Amino acid sequence: MTQINSIRLQNALDFITKLDNRDYTALAATMAPDCTHRFLPATLGGLGKPVRSKEEIIEFAKGLESIFEIINFQSPLEITETKDAVIIHMVSDGKTRSGKPYNNEYMFTFRFNAEGKILSVKEFLDSHYVLDILAGEKDAA
């Protein structure tokens, strides 16, 4: 069990949990109004958009439901918390709508406002794997 040391760490973990549970109202509550999200590495091209606003983050997450039956984030492998950031290394297991396994690896970097709400998320993932999965799901559809 992860020991919660701050409101920042709690909001970062809640962001991932609420994303995992598809609880978009609670997900929105973890973020500041001007929150932004970036997918990395840059070769992903932001998966269609380099920077997403809070509202676009929620809409993008909802759109993933058409591709993934489930994305199940596992317990963090490593957490680093500094005075202004939380970095979480983790993996997921899941399944696409066509029944293929989805097992990815992530590094989330969260930055926060003075109240501990998330100001920015950088989500680094296995770009080659994600592009292969997305292409396979497009072909299956």
Protein backbone atom coordinates (compact mmCIF):
# COMPACT_ATOMS: atom_id res chain seq x y z
CA MET A 1 0.00 0.00 0.00
CA THR A 2 1.29 3.45 -0.93
CA GLN A 3 1.72 5.83 1.98
CA ILE A 4 0.15 9.19 1.16
CA ASN A 5 2.53 11.99 2.13
CA SER A 6 0.73 14.99 0.68
CA ILE A 7 -2.37 16.31 -1.05
CA ARG A 8 -0.29 16.44 -4.25
CA LEU A 9 0.49 12.73 -4.09
CA GLN A 10 -3.14 11.97 -3.22
CA ASN A 11 -4.39 13.95 -6.24
CA ALA A 12 -1.86 12.27 -8.55
CA LEU A 13 -2.93 8.81 -7.38
CA ASP A 14 -6.60 9.82 -7.55
CA PHE A 15 -6.10 11.04 -11.14
CA ILE A 16 -4.88 7.58 -12.14
CA THR A 17 -7.52 5.74 -10.11
CA LYS A 18 -10.38 7.87 -11.44
CA LEU A 19 -9.08 7.48 -15.00
CA ASP A 20 -8.92 3.72 -14.42
CA ASN A 21 -12.47 3.66 -13.01
CA ARG A 22 -13.84 5.96 -15.72
CA ASP A 23 -15.13 8.31 -13.04
CA TYR A 24 -14.81 11.51 -15.04
CA THR A 25 -16.44 13.84 -12.51
CA ALA A 26 -13.99 12.75 -9.81
CA LEU A 27 -11.13 12.87 -12.35
CA ALA A 28 -11.98 16.50 -13.12
CA ALA A 29 -11.95 17.31 -9.39
CA THR A 30 -8.23 16.39 -9.17
CA MET A 31 -7.32 19.05 -11.75
CA ALA A 32 -6.99 22.82 -11.65
CA PRO A 33 -9.20 24.68 -14.19
CA ASP A 34 -6.13 25.42 -16.35
CA CYS A 35 -4.69 21.88 -16.21
CA THR A 36 -2.90 20.60 -19.31
CA HIS A 37 -1.92 17.11 -20.48
CA ARG A 38 0.81 15.96 -22.87
CA PHE A 39 1.52 12.48 -24.21
CA LEU A 40 5.20 11.71 -24.59
CA PRO A 41 7.50 10.89 -26.32
CA ALA A 42 7.16 13.57 -28.95
CA THR A 43 7.07 10.90 -31.67
CA LEU A 44 3.48 10.17 -30.60
CA GLY A 45 2.49 13.63 -31.78
CA GLY A 46 0.36 13.95 -28.67
CA LEU A 47 -1.89 11.23 -30.12
CA GLY A 48 -3.48 13.84 -32.34
CA LYS A 49 -3.02 16.95 -30.20
CA PRO A 50 0.22 18.11 -28.54
CA VAL A 51 -1.44 19.71 -25.49
CA ARG A 52 -4.92 19.07 -24.09
CA SER A 53 -6.93 21.30 -21.75
CA LYS A 54 -8.82 19.94 -18.75
CA GLU A 55 -12.00 19.55 -20.78
CA GLU A 56 -10.10 17.90 -23.65
CA ILE A 57 -8.44 15.48 -21.21
CA ILE A 58 -11.87 14.32 -20.04
CA GLU A 59 -13.21 14.01 -23.60
CA PHE A 60 -10.11 12.11 -24.74
CA ALA A 61 -10.44 9.71 -21.80
CA LYS A 62 -14.11 9.11 -22.65
CA GLY A 63 -13.10 8.41 -26.25
CA LEU A 64 -10.73 5.65 -25.12
CA GLU A 65 -13.78 3.61 -24.12
CA SER A 66 -14.37 2.85 -27.80
CA ILE A 67 -10.86 1.32 -28.06
CA PHE A 68 -10.29 -0.27 -24.66
CA GLU A 69 -12.68 -2.52 -22.79
CA ILE A 70 -10.50 -2.02 -19.72
CA ILE A 71 -7.24 -0.38 -18.76
CA ASN A 72 -6.29 -1.58 -15.31
CA PHE A 73 -3.43 0.41 -13.75
CA GLN A 74 -1.38 -1.68 -11.34
CA SER A 75 0.18 -0.50 -8.07
CA PRO A 76 2.96 2.00 -8.73
CA LEU A 77 6.40 0.51 -9.23
CA GLU A 78 8.03 3.71 -8.03
CA ILE A 79 6.89 7.10 -6.77
CA THR A 80 9.09 10.18 -6.50
CA GLU A 81 7.72 13.25 -4.79
CA THR A 82 9.51 16.59 -4.75
CA LYS A 83 8.35 19.98 -3.50
CA ASP A 84 6.61 20.71 -6.82
CA ALA A 85 6.16 17.40 -8.65
CA VAL A 86 5.05 13.79 -8.30
CA ILE A 87 6.46 11.18 -10.69
CA ILE A 88 4.84 7.76 -10.86
CA HIS A 89 6.19 4.75 -12.77
CA MET A 90 3.58 2.08 -13.33
CA VAL A 91 2.22 -0.55 -15.68
CA SER A 92 -1.25 -1.49 -16.80
CA ASP A 93 -2.96 -4.60 -17.94
CA GLY A 94 -6.14 -4.45 -19.87
CA LYS A 95 -7.97 -5.50 -22.97
CA THR A 96 -8.96 -3.80 -26.20
CA ARG A 97 -12.49 -3.95 -27.57
CA SER A 98 -11.31 -6.58 -30.07
CA GLY A 99 -10.06 -8.75 -27.18
CA LYS A 100 -6.32 -8.14 -27.48
CA PRO A 101 -4.33 -7.76 -24.27
CA TYR A 102 -3.17 -4.25 -23.45
CA ASN A 103 -0.12 -4.15 -21.18
CA ASN A 104 1.66 -0.82 -21.22
CA GLU A 105 4.26 1.01 -19.16
CA TYR A 106 3.94 4.64 -18.04
CA MET A 107 5.79 7.48 -16.38
CA PHE A 108 3.41 10.18 -15.19
CA THR A 109 4.85 13.54 -14.14
CA PHE A 110 2.40 15.75 -12.28
CA ARG A 111 2.84 19.44 -11.40
CA PHE A 112 0.51 21.28 -9.01
CA ASN A 113 -0.91 24.66 -8.03
CA ALA A 114 -0.72 26.08 -4.49
CA GLU A 115 -3.90 24.19 -3.47
CA GLY A 116 -2.45 20.85 -4.60
CA LYS A 117 -4.64 20.55 -7.71
CA ILE A 118 -2.96 19.18 -10.84
CA LEU A 119 -1.69 21.90 -13.19
CA SER A 120 -0.03 19.61 -15.71
CA VAL A 121 0.38 15.95 -16.54
CA LYS A 122 3.06 14.54 -18.79
CA GLU A 123 2.24 10.93 -19.63
CA PHE A 124 5.21 9.08 -21.10
CA LEU A 125 4.30 5.68 -22.52
CA ASP A 126 5.60 2.99 -24.85
CA SER A 127 5.01 4.77 -28.15
CA HIS A 128 5.72 1.83 -30.44
CA TYR A 129 3.37 -0.41 -28.48
CA VAL A 130 0.56 2.17 -28.37
CA LEU A 131 0.76 2.89 -32.10
CA ASP A 132 0.67 -0.85 -32.87
CA ILE A 133 -2.38 -1.35 -30.62
CA LEU A 134 -4.22 1.62 -32.12
CA ALA A 135 -3.49 0.47 -35.68
CA GLY A 136 -4.66 -3.05 -34.81
CA GLU A 137 -7.90 -1.76 -33.31
CA LYS A 138 -8.51 0.43 -36.37
CA ASP A 139 -8.03 -2.61 -38.62
CA ALA A 140 -10.32 -4.73 -36.42
CA ALA A 141 -13.10 -2.15 -36.59
